[in-house]
Structure formats: C-alpha cells, structure tokens
Amino acid sequence: MRSAKVLLLLATWRISVAEDLSATGNKTYLEKRQEHEDSKMVGMKEEDVYLSHPHTAALDPEGKFHLSWAVDSEGKEITLEIAAETLGWLAFGFSPSEAVADVDLLTGWVDQEGVGHVQDRHGPGDKTPQMDDQQDWRLARASENDTHTLLVVTRDLSTCDDQDLPLLNTTKRLIYAYGTSDPANATSFEYLSAEATRGSRYLLLLQPPAPFPPSLEDARTWSLSQSLSLAKDQRDVHWCNIVRFPHLESQVHYVGFDMKHGQNSRKHLHHLTIWECTGDPNSAAYRQGRERLMHYASQQGHECYSSSMPLDYNSCNNPVIVWATGGEGEREPAHVGLPMVPEVGEYAFFLVEAHYDNSPMADSISVEWGIDVYYTDQLREFESASMFVGNTINFALVIPPGIDHWTTSGHCPAGCLLDGMPETGIKVYQVFLKAHALARSIRVRHFRDGKELPPLALDDYYDSNFQQAVRLQEERTVLPSDHITTECTYDSSGRSNATFSGYGALEELCLAVLSYYPRHTLVECTSSTYHDVLKEALGIKQLQNEQNLLVTSQSREPMDLLLPKRNTDFRAFVSGLAWSEVDLENLEERLSRGTHVARCMRRGGVPAQAIKLKTNYPDAAPYAPPEVACPRMLGQKTQHAGASSSVSAFSCILLAVPVLLAILWQ
C-alpha cells in the first residue's frame, strides 16, 4: 500500500513537472535568458537611463573614446555610457593583464535605421573574439549624431558565466576599439581589421565616488612642482626635497590632490610620496630641528638615501600622499580630513620623495611634473592618518630567478597595533597597494580571534604600470588585537638573477598603505624574516653585526649586510647560489611562513615599544568567500529545451525520492 502511494505521488509530481516544462519547452535557453534580462529594464524611463555618472574617463590619449559609469552596489550591476568618435562599430572590454589570452568584450553599433546592437564576446585578443553562449549585456540606449556613436549598457558585476570576467574592486585593463563602418551583419564583425583603432588603459571601475569640494571657497590649492635632468648612467633616481606648507594661521585638513604631468613625466616619473615631517615638541632638539627644516626648504634638495641626504630627512616618515604611475589623483571621503598644521602659528614641513625611472638609459632627459594639493579650513568630522603594512624593506626579501610563482609575506601583529590605538580600533577607508614589476597579486589579509575575515584589499591582477588607491566599498574596523598580513606573489621567470628588496625599479616591495581614522601615532607596522631563519634557509653561518639586526634603523635605506667569513656582501652571496640545486618550495615556506620580526614605527622616526616583537601567521582557517548567488537558469548551458528539461526533471526526482519515502514511512 505504501509502495503504491509512493508510485502515485511520484507519477503525479512528474506529470506536474512535465506540464511546467512544456509551458516553456518551445523557447531556447537564450530566449529565456533574454526574458530574464529584459525584466530588469521593465518600467525604466528614458531619462533614468542617463544616471548621474560619478566616474568618467577618456580611454585613449586623444579623447576619442570616452567612458562614463555608475555602480549599483545593492543591485550588483554596472551601467556604462560609451561614446566613440565613429559612425561605425565600437568595442569595449576587460582583460586581467597585458596578456591577450583572455578578453571579455562588448561589441556594438547603430545601424542605418537607428537600431542599436550589442554582442557579448570572449576569446584571445589576437583573434576576433567569438560570441558568448550567454549574452549578459543589456542595451538601454543607442544613438548616433554626425560624429559619435553612443551606447548605454548594463551588466551584472558577476554574471555566473565562465566566459565573462567578474568585475571586482581590483585593477582591470580596459580594452577599447572602434572601426569606421558598421558590420554587414551580426556575424561579419571584423575586430582586427586594418582600419580599426585599438588600445587599452588601466582603471578601477568599482571605486565608490568621493566628493570634491565644489568651489574654491571650500578648498584651497597648494601647488608643488619639480624638474630634474636624468643622465644616461642613472637607471633609478630618488630625489628628495623639503617643502614648507604656506598656511599657519589655523588648522586645515588635506582633502585630495591632482597630478599635473609635464615634459617626460608620464614616461619617467615612477612614483611619488609626500611625507609629513614630525617630531616630539617636548624634545630639546625639536626647535633646532624645525629651524634646520626651514633652511632645507630653501634648497633644491638631495638624492634620497645617499650620504649627502641630511639626517633630519629621516624624521619625515608619516605618509600623506602616495602616488604611482597610472594614477591621476585622489579625494578624501566627505567626513575625513588629514590635519596639515602641527600647531597654529607654526609652519608645517613635508618631504617630497620622487622616484625617476630611466629604463632606456637616455642622456639628458628633462622631467617636469607638478601636483595640486587641496586643503580646507572647513574641518572634517574625523582626522585621518596613513600606515604602512607589509614586508620591511631590508635584506631579507629574496626572490629567486626564473620562477613563475613566489610568495612573500609581511605581518602587522597585535603587539604593534596596541601601540597608541584606541580600544574601539580604527576605520580603514582606503588601501594603496605597492610593489614593482615582478608582482602579479597582492592580498591584505585580516585576522581576528582565530578567524580570518574578508581581505582588506585584494588585487589578483596587479600591474605596476597602474597603481591607484582602492577606496573600500564599506569601511573596515581594525582592532588593537587584530593581525594584518600582506602577501605578494611574484613572477621572476624573465630574470636570470635574484631580486632583492629596495626602492629601485628592478628591486621589489610588498607593501600596502592603509588610510584610516581616528588618527594615532603608528605609521609603519611591517615585518621581515627573522635572521636565524634566513641563515638556516640559505646556508649562512654568520652575518655581520648580527646582534644589532633586530634594532630598527631610523633610516629608510635598505641594509647592505656583509658575511665576514666569506668576505662578500649578502646580495653577492645569494646571487651566486646554484638555484637549480635549491629546494625552492622549502625555501619559500621558510622565508614566508617562518618566524618574522616586526618593525613598528611612530611618527617622527621613533620606534615603538614592540621593536623586537617576533611574529608569524596566526593559527586560523583561511577565509572562504561566500558563493555567488545566481539565477537558476544562469547555471544551464545553451541547449535544446527538451534535453535540458528531461535532465532537470530526472535530477529533481532523484533528489525528491528520499524525502517522500521518509514522509510516507513515518
């Protein structure tokens, strides 16, 4: 009897499923997908299509291909307004890096009848990308005038389509192209035609908008500039000079900056840091130090980290502005400002550190640039500050040659964060990731109470040619008991010699700059491999002045250690290793995950109490990101409805049998 009931229920349920499937059985998957996409546009008025775009950029140097966009973080979608100076086709898309192996491309045009067409494509960038099985772009508006074609399109940030790239708040290489005539039909698109114009640019698409003061009454401008002539024997030049902030009558807040490029600066200016020069006002040497800074402000400057650089420069260690190639400027959130005046009636001094890269080794190259720094006397609600986290710039960062995946880490442990941080913690609102040419990914991991939280920042497609601060979608709280680990992954497969830590373009870094509030005294919280671990891993018996290696230097210049018994320096010894005989997996594990020693620095170059703190990875399970929720049909493949329906019905029956049996046999 029970068996009969089961069979009857199964038969009835299966008939019901068949009826439901037959209602849509005549529609292909793509037709059903289009219905799903069209439903998102229902009720949208024409004027609503043109959103108040908070972001805009010209993708090409001539400004002929223009992009404006808005991100709906709640709806998890992005709307793009694309305008190109052509009456033919245009293309816009994404690629993880300079490699052309994976391209996610939108192509579109407006035909002679004024009808817009868009296509979702994918494939290698050196061929015409093929049509996606799943079309994810929704066309909201298409138009042409006498000179331009305009498309307004919308797409989910994550389409659950393995032929698309998910859009995250990370570096993306944006691809653009346009041709002079429309395709003859939907299948005759010629992406690589000789008459087409193509190019790319790096951008962060998902940046939350930051307001800019609307008038000069709200923001004043402090303009700085620098010019330098590079000689052919200078591969890297770091130039430092002291500047005096002109305002002293009242406290003001820094609220943003814009770069002003001049002669050769886009090619030869690699990065720029403006450091606040601070000190202990209660110190007897403080007043004399300020007088010397006033004297240095009238000079042209000195080469950084050289014997000619005055020691007073080392008191300038609090980062205010960090810029690198590819960036254009920054804005502080409306509720945050960085105080610029140490005491009312007293001048503030800053160190401008500029890194010039003369890779072509050209002679007599003149480089000119400027920066407009914005500040206001309308003080913001919170005072901000910045802090370096990551791997200490010293002897211990070593990247073997000829390896396509090498990870380095740097820790900021609770013992450092406790120094001066309020019990309620700080709010991180922006992260600037910093590395050089070998870096492929950077991750700022966040640990608390034996758990790993979502990363503070993550860029799996890091490219040193585009370095822009990442404003967080939501501010993140960091408590004094937390632990922060910065991880960098490098690819040295194109190098035949080992790479070391340093400021030069051929050296490497693994750092992140956290912008946060409320302001406190810690400006650096980094770590490097403990020297005993380093010696054992590399087969070194002794290092010169080994007893002093844990003492944090006030200088930002990397140490150049000697191996006394071998009468050679550390870098020469490591470069001479027979790397083919080294167990690289074991070496990476020891240097990255072995014991580290922390470097904790306060403003003014003052070491914190936790100067000799040893640290390591916390004992915590790795963070697992939540699965992306997708509409049911997004997981289906393009196929005839009949085959899809029968498979789906049979799978559901198998899942339902145990449940029905359990109910009937109770």
Foldseek 3Di string as FASTA:
>chain_A
DLVVVLVVVLVVVLVVLVVVLVVCQVPFLQRVLVVVVVVVCPPPDLVVLPPPFLDKDQWDPVSQWIKTKDADVVVQKIKIKIKGFAQAKKKKWWDLAPFQAKIFMKIWHQDPVRDIDIFTFMGGPVADTHGALHGFKDWSDWGDDPTMTITMIMGHQDLLGPSGDRQDQAKIKMKMKTAHHYAPDPPRDGRPDPRMDIDIAIDRPPFDRADDPPDVQFKPKDKDKAKDWDFLVDQKFKWKAKAWDPDQQAKKFWWKKFKFFDACCLPWWFKKWKFWQDDDPPDPCVVVLLVVSVVRNVDNTDTAPDPPHDPSLLLRQFTDDIGGARDTMDGHHQQETAIQHPHRPDIIMIMMIIMTGPNVSDGGRMTMIMMIIMMGPPDHNAHKGKAKEWAAQAFFDKDFAQAFKFKAKKKQALVQLVFWADQQAKWFFKKWWDKAAFWQKKWKWKDDDQATDHTPDIYNGDHSNHTDIGGDPGIDGDGSRMMIMMMTIGGNSVDDFMAHGDDRNRHIDGMMMTMIDDDTWWHYKIKFAQVVLSCVLLVADDKPPNVCPLPDDSGSGYDFIPRVVVRGIPRVSRRPDPVVPHPSVVSSCSGHANKIFIFIATNSSHGDPSSGPIDGDRNHDDDDDDDDDHPPSSPDGGDNSVVVSVVVSVVVSVVCSVVSVVVSVD
